[in-house]
Amino acid sequence: MKPIVFSALPDKFEETYTTVLEALVLYAQINNIILNPTSISIDFEQAAFNAFKKIFPNANILFCHFHFAKNIMKRLKKLRLNDELKKDNVKREIANVLSLPLLPPNKITAAFFDTVEVLESINRNFKPFLNYVEKTYVINANFDSLNWNHYPTLSNRPRTNN
């Protein structure tokens, strides 16, 4: 699967994404192109997700793993935990967090809390990071794991779309 449309947008508002997608659908209709995607890969932007879901309600929308990992590493840097990453036991646990999207969905929560236990025993300063991961991806999360879990489709998806 390869991206076939690129668009430079002035902002990241849902309305902007919707306008572009509606224009794409109109272009397809005018040119007798069947535009009915079964899957869509996007980065972690809720506005983009909402727009794609609105315009293509039957498509499976999946957040890309590259951007998941990027968000995790960015949060570690923001919390100034970079030096901790030099420790092998910390590297292993962060790798476990980065691997959450590759696990069967029913194993994500338990795997995450195993990592929580280990990281908190290494350094209590990981607590804000772990809270971020929990609230953003795991429990009552901003991003539903159904949309970032790659386990069912590991062999059929690109790592990113940009």
C-alpha atoms as a PDB file:
ATOM      1  CA  MET A   1       0.000   0.000   0.000  1.00  0.00           C
ATOM      2  CA  LYS A   2       1.369   3.394  -1.011  1.00  0.00           C
ATOM      3  CA  PRO A   3       0.062   6.884  -0.330  1.00  0.00           C
ATOM      4  CA  ILE A   4      -1.585   8.350  -3.414  1.00  0.00           C
ATOM      5  CA  VAL A   5      -2.584  11.787  -2.130  1.00  0.00           C
ATOM      6  CA  PHE A   6      -0.532  14.407  -0.341  1.00  0.00           C
ATOM      7  CA  SER A   7      -1.835  17.729   0.903  1.00  0.00           C
ATOM      8  CA  ALA A   8      -0.195  20.719   2.583  1.00  0.00           C
ATOM      9  CA  LEU A   9      -2.703  22.230   4.996  1.00  0.00           C
ATOM     10  CA  PRO A  10      -2.683  25.573   6.836  1.00  0.00           C
ATOM     11  CA  ASP A  11      -3.690  24.058  10.187  1.00  0.00           C
ATOM     12  CA  LYS A  12      -4.699  20.849  11.931  1.00  0.00           C
ATOM     13  CA  PHE A  13      -8.392  21.535  12.479  1.00  0.00           C
ATOM     14  CA  GLU A  14     -11.025  18.892  11.836  1.00  0.00           C
ATOM     15  CA  GLU A  15     -12.884  21.293   9.541  1.00  0.00           C
ATOM     16  CA  THR A  16      -9.780  21.696   7.370  1.00  0.00           C
ATOM     17  CA  TYR A  17      -9.263  17.947   7.074  1.00  0.00           C
ATOM     18  CA  THR A  18     -12.951  17.459   6.283  1.00  0.00           C
ATOM     19  CA  THR A  19     -12.858  20.136   3.564  1.00  0.00           C
ATOM     20  CA  VAL A  20      -9.859  18.489   1.882  1.00  0.00           C
ATOM     21  CA  LEU A  21     -11.419  15.030   2.081  1.00  0.00           C
ATOM     22  CA  GLU A  22     -14.718  16.292   0.676  1.00  0.00           C
ATOM     23  CA  ALA A  23     -12.798  17.882  -2.219  1.00  0.00           C
ATOM     24  CA  LEU A  24     -11.020  14.570  -2.804  1.00  0.00           C
ATOM     25  CA  VAL A  25     -14.327  12.683  -2.850  1.00  0.00           C
ATOM     26  CA  LEU A  26     -15.794  15.239  -5.268  1.00  0.00           C
ATOM     27  CA  TYR A  27     -12.752  14.957  -7.542  1.00  0.00           C
ATOM     28  CA  ALA A  28     -13.113  11.178  -7.531  1.00  0.00           C
ATOM     29  CA  GLN A  29     -16.822  11.382  -8.394  1.00  0.00           C
ATOM     30  CA  ILE A  30     -16.246  13.860 -11.251  1.00  0.00           C
ATOM     31  CA  ASN A  31     -13.545  11.600 -12.681  1.00  0.00           C
ATOM     32  CA  ASN A  32     -15.467   8.342 -12.194  1.00  0.00           C
ATOM     33  CA  ILE A  33     -12.974   7.082  -9.653  1.00  0.00           C
ATOM     34  CA  ILE A  34     -14.289   4.724  -7.011  1.00  0.00           C
ATOM     35  CA  LEU A  35     -13.011   6.051  -3.705  1.00  0.00           C
ATOM     36  CA  ASN A  36     -13.919   3.573  -1.011  1.00  0.00           C
ATOM     37  CA  PRO A  37     -10.833   2.880   1.134  1.00  0.00           C
ATOM     38  CA  THR A  38     -10.934  -0.138   3.401  1.00  0.00           C
ATOM     39  CA  SER A  39      -8.016   1.060   5.528  1.00  0.00           C
ATOM     40  CA  ILE A  40      -6.398   4.396   6.272  1.00  0.00           C
ATOM     41  CA  SER A  41      -3.114   4.968   8.105  1.00  0.00           C
ATOM     42  CA  ILE A  42      -2.634   8.326   9.852  1.00  0.00           C
ATOM     43  CA  ASP A  43      -0.493   9.910  12.533  1.00  0.00           C
ATOM     44  CA  PHE A  44      -1.899  10.634  15.988  1.00  0.00           C
ATOM     45  CA  GLU A  45      -4.126  13.621  15.280  1.00  0.00           C
ATOM     46  CA  GLN A  46      -7.641  13.400  16.666  1.00  0.00           C
ATOM     47  CA  ALA A  47      -8.941  16.019  14.209  1.00  0.00           C
ATOM     48  CA  ALA A  48      -7.678  14.000  11.237  1.00  0.00           C
ATOM     49  CA  PHE A  49      -9.132  10.817  12.714  1.00  0.00           C
ATOM     50  CA  ASN A  50     -12.548  12.456  13.161  1.00  0.00           C
ATOM     51  CA  ALA A  51     -12.554  13.823   9.606  1.00  0.00           C
ATOM     52  CA  PHE A  52     -11.562  10.497   8.033  1.00  0.00           C
ATOM     53  CA  LYS A  53     -14.173   8.681  10.133  1.00  0.00           C
ATOM     54  CA  LYS A  54     -16.827  11.162   9.000  1.00  0.00           C
ATOM     55  CA  ILE A  55     -15.974  10.976   5.284  1.00  0.00           C
ATOM     56  CA  PHE A  56     -15.053   7.271   5.146  1.00  0.00           C
ATOM     57  CA  PRO A  57     -17.164   5.669   7.907  1.00  0.00           C
ATOM     58  CA  ASN A  58     -16.532   2.111   6.709  1.00  0.00           C
ATOM     59  CA  ALA A  59     -12.745   2.382   6.583  1.00  0.00           C
ATOM     60  CA  ASN A  60     -10.512   0.904   9.252  1.00  0.00           C
ATOM     61  CA  ILE A  61      -8.467   3.866  10.511  1.00  0.00           C
ATOM     62  CA  LEU A  62      -5.170   2.944  12.114  1.00  0.00           C
ATOM     63  CA  PHE A  63      -2.671   5.261  13.769  1.00  0.00           C
ATOM     64  CA  CYS A  64       0.846   4.478  12.583  1.00  0.00           C
ATOM     65  CA  HIS A  65       3.386   2.822  14.851  1.00  0.00           C
ATOM     66  CA  PHE A  66       6.156   5.233  13.850  1.00  0.00           C
ATOM     67  CA  HIS A  67       4.193   8.158  15.289  1.00  0.00           C
ATOM     68  CA  PHE A  68       3.311   6.149  18.406  1.00  0.00           C
ATOM     69  CA  ALA A  69       7.027   5.610  19.043  1.00  0.00           C
ATOM     70  CA  LYS A  70       7.803   9.232  18.213  1.00  0.00           C
ATOM     71  CA  ASN A  71       5.220  10.416  20.761  1.00  0.00           C
ATOM     72  CA  ILE A  72       6.628   8.121  23.450  1.00  0.00           C
ATOM     73  CA  MET A  73      10.203   9.282  22.906  1.00  0.00           C
ATOM     74  CA  LYS A  74       9.138  12.924  22.741  1.00  0.00           C
ATOM     75  CA  ARG A  75       7.403  12.598  26.117  1.00  0.00           C
ATOM     76  CA  LEU A  76      10.485  11.013  27.691  1.00  0.00           C
ATOM     77  CA  LYS A  77      12.570  13.916  26.408  1.00  0.00           C
ATOM     78  CA  LYS A  78      10.031  16.491  27.611  1.00  0.00           C
ATOM     79  CA  LEU A  79      10.153  14.963  31.085  1.00  0.00           C
ATOM     80  CA  ARG A  80      13.969  14.967  30.950  1.00  0.00           C
ATOM     81  CA  LEU A  81      14.275  11.225  31.339  1.00  0.00           C
ATOM     82  CA  ASN A  82      16.770  10.869  28.456  1.00  0.00           C
ATOM     83  CA  ASP A  83      19.699  10.017  30.727  1.00  0.00           C
ATOM     84  CA  GLU A  84      17.702   7.142  32.190  1.00  0.00           C
ATOM     85  CA  LEU A  85      17.586   5.595  28.701  1.00  0.00           C
ATOM     86  CA  LYS A  86      21.300   4.831  28.979  1.00  0.00           C
ATOM     87  CA  LYS A  87      20.506   2.101  31.502  1.00  0.00           C
ATOM     88  CA  ASP A  88      19.910  -1.336  29.995  1.00  0.00           C
ATOM     89  CA  ASN A  89      17.006  -2.186  32.304  1.00  0.00           C
ATOM     90  CA  VAL A  90      15.271   1.094  31.390  1.00  0.00           C
ATOM     91  CA  LYS A  91      15.916   0.544  27.664  1.00  0.00           C
ATOM     92  CA  ARG A  92      14.249  -2.845  27.934  1.00  0.00           C
ATOM     93  CA  GLU A  93      11.152  -1.428  29.638  1.00  0.00           C
ATOM     94  CA  ILE A  94      10.824   1.476  27.189  1.00  0.00           C
ATOM     95  CA  ALA A  95      11.129  -1.084  24.384  1.00  0.00           C
ATOM     96  CA  ASN A  96       8.221  -2.901  26.040  1.00  0.00           C
ATOM     97  CA  VAL A  97       6.159   0.306  25.940  1.00  0.00           C
ATOM     98  CA  LEU A  98       7.101   0.821  22.283  1.00  0.00           C
ATOM     99  CA  SER A  99       5.978  -2.742  21.593  1.00  0.00           C
ATOM    100  CA  LEU A 100       2.473  -2.347  23.048  1.00  0.00           C
ATOM    101  CA  PRO A 101       0.920  -1.815  19.574  1.00  0.00           C
ATOM    102  CA  LEU A 102       2.383  -5.144  18.456  1.00  0.00           C
ATOM    103  CA  LEU A 103       0.739  -7.229  21.190  1.00  0.00           C
ATOM    104  CA  PRO A 104      -2.602  -8.992  21.004  1.00  0.00           C
ATOM    105  CA  PRO A 105      -5.163  -6.421  22.240  1.00  0.00           C
ATOM    106  CA  ASN A 106      -6.109  -8.498  25.280  1.00  0.00           C
ATOM    107  CA  LYS A 107      -2.492  -8.454  26.523  1.00  0.00           C
ATOM    108  CA  ILE A 108      -1.810  -4.697  26.286  1.00  0.00           C
ATOM    109  CA  THR A 109      -3.033  -3.660  29.737  1.00  0.00           C
ATOM    110  CA  ALA A 110      -1.228  -6.414  31.636  1.00  0.00           C
ATOM    111  CA  ALA A 111       1.997  -5.822  29.708  1.00  0.00           C
ATOM    112  CA  PHE A 112       1.783  -2.107  30.394  1.00  0.00           C
ATOM    113  CA  PHE A 113       1.287  -2.588  34.136  1.00  0.00           C
ATOM    114  CA  ASP A 114       4.211  -5.030  34.258  1.00  0.00           C
ATOM    115  CA  THR A 115       6.332  -2.230  32.797  1.00  0.00           C
ATOM    116  CA  VAL A 116       4.861   0.296  35.251  1.00  0.00           C
ATOM    117  CA  GLU A 117       5.945  -1.873  38.163  1.00  0.00           C
ATOM    118  CA  VAL A 118       9.508  -2.205  36.897  1.00  0.00           C
ATOM    119  CA  LEU A 119      10.017   1.435  35.865  1.00  0.00           C
ATOM    120  CA  GLU A 120       8.588   2.775  39.123  1.00  0.00           C
ATOM    121  CA  SER A 121      10.948   0.509  41.065  1.00  0.00           C
ATOM    122  CA  ILE A 122      13.897   1.880  39.060  1.00  0.00           C
ATOM    123  CA  ASN A 123      13.035   5.557  39.407  1.00  0.00           C
ATOM    124  CA  ARG A 124       9.911   7.282  40.739  1.00  0.00           C
ATOM    125  CA  ASN A 125      10.484  10.056  38.194  1.00  0.00           C
ATOM    126  CA  PHE A 126       8.915   7.759  35.593  1.00  0.00           C
ATOM    127  CA  LYS A 127       5.484   8.260  37.206  1.00  0.00           C
ATOM    128  CA  PRO A 128       4.449  11.260  35.014  1.00  0.00           C
ATOM    129  CA  PHE A 129       5.589   9.400  31.898  1.00  0.00           C
ATOM    130  CA  LEU A 130       3.649   6.294  32.871  1.00  0.00           C
ATOM    131  CA  ASN A 131       0.574   8.391  33.645  1.00  0.00           C
ATOM    132  CA  TYR A 132       0.858   9.928  30.172  1.00  0.00           C
ATOM    133  CA  VAL A 133       1.044   6.521  28.479  1.00  0.00           C
ATOM    134  CA  GLU A 134      -1.836   5.182  30.557  1.00  0.00           C
ATOM    135  CA  LYS A 135      -4.167   8.129  29.900  1.00  0.00           C
ATOM    136  CA  THR A 136      -3.203   8.581  26.268  1.00  0.00           C
ATOM    137  CA  TYR A 137      -3.094   4.965  25.124  1.00  0.00           C
ATOM    138  CA  VAL A 138      -4.110   2.347  27.696  1.00  0.00           C
ATOM    139  CA  ILE A 139      -6.955   3.038  30.191  1.00  0.00           C
ATOM    140  CA  ASN A 140      -9.899   5.291  29.248  1.00  0.00           C
ATOM    141  CA  ALA A 141      -7.438   6.574  26.691  1.00  0.00           C
ATOM    142  CA  ASN A 142      -7.485   9.528  24.336  1.00  0.00           C
ATOM    143  CA  PHE A 143      -6.664   7.068  21.540  1.00  0.00           C
ATOM    144  CA  ASP A 144      -8.563   3.775  21.509  1.00  0.00           C
ATOM    145  CA  SER A 145      -6.214   0.807  21.221  1.00  0.00           C
ATOM    146  CA  LEU A 146      -8.400  -0.564  18.420  1.00  0.00           C
ATOM    147  CA  ASN A 147      -6.986   2.258  16.314  1.00  0.00           C
ATOM    148  CA  TRP A 148      -3.315   1.931  17.279  1.00  0.00           C
ATOM    149  CA  ASN A 149      -2.964  -1.810  17.759  1.00  0.00           C
ATOM    150  CA  HIS A 150      -1.150  -3.364  14.808  1.00  0.00           C
ATOM    151  CA  TYR A 151      -1.255  -6.982  15.921  1.00  0.00           C
ATOM    152  CA  PRO A 152      -3.999  -8.094  13.483  1.00  0.00           C
ATOM    153  CA  THR A 153      -2.345  -6.460  10.498  1.00  0.00           C
ATOM    154  CA  LEU A 154       1.398  -6.629  11.058  1.00  0.00           C
ATOM    155  CA  SER A 155       2.171  -8.068   7.655  1.00  0.00           C
ATOM    156  CA  ASN A 156      -0.129  -5.867   5.568  1.00  0.00           C
ATOM    157  CA  ARG A 157       0.517  -2.257   6.611  1.00  0.00           C
ATOM    158  CA  PRO A 158       3.176   0.368   5.963  1.00  0.00           C
ATOM    159  CA  ARG A 159       4.951   1.762   9.030  1.00  0.00           C
ATOM    160  CA  THR A 160       3.964   5.332   8.205  1.00  0.00           C
ATOM    161  CA  ASN A 161       2.194   7.388   5.596  1.00  0.00           C
ATOM    162  CA  ASN A 162       4.559  10.361   5.532  1.00  0.00           C
END
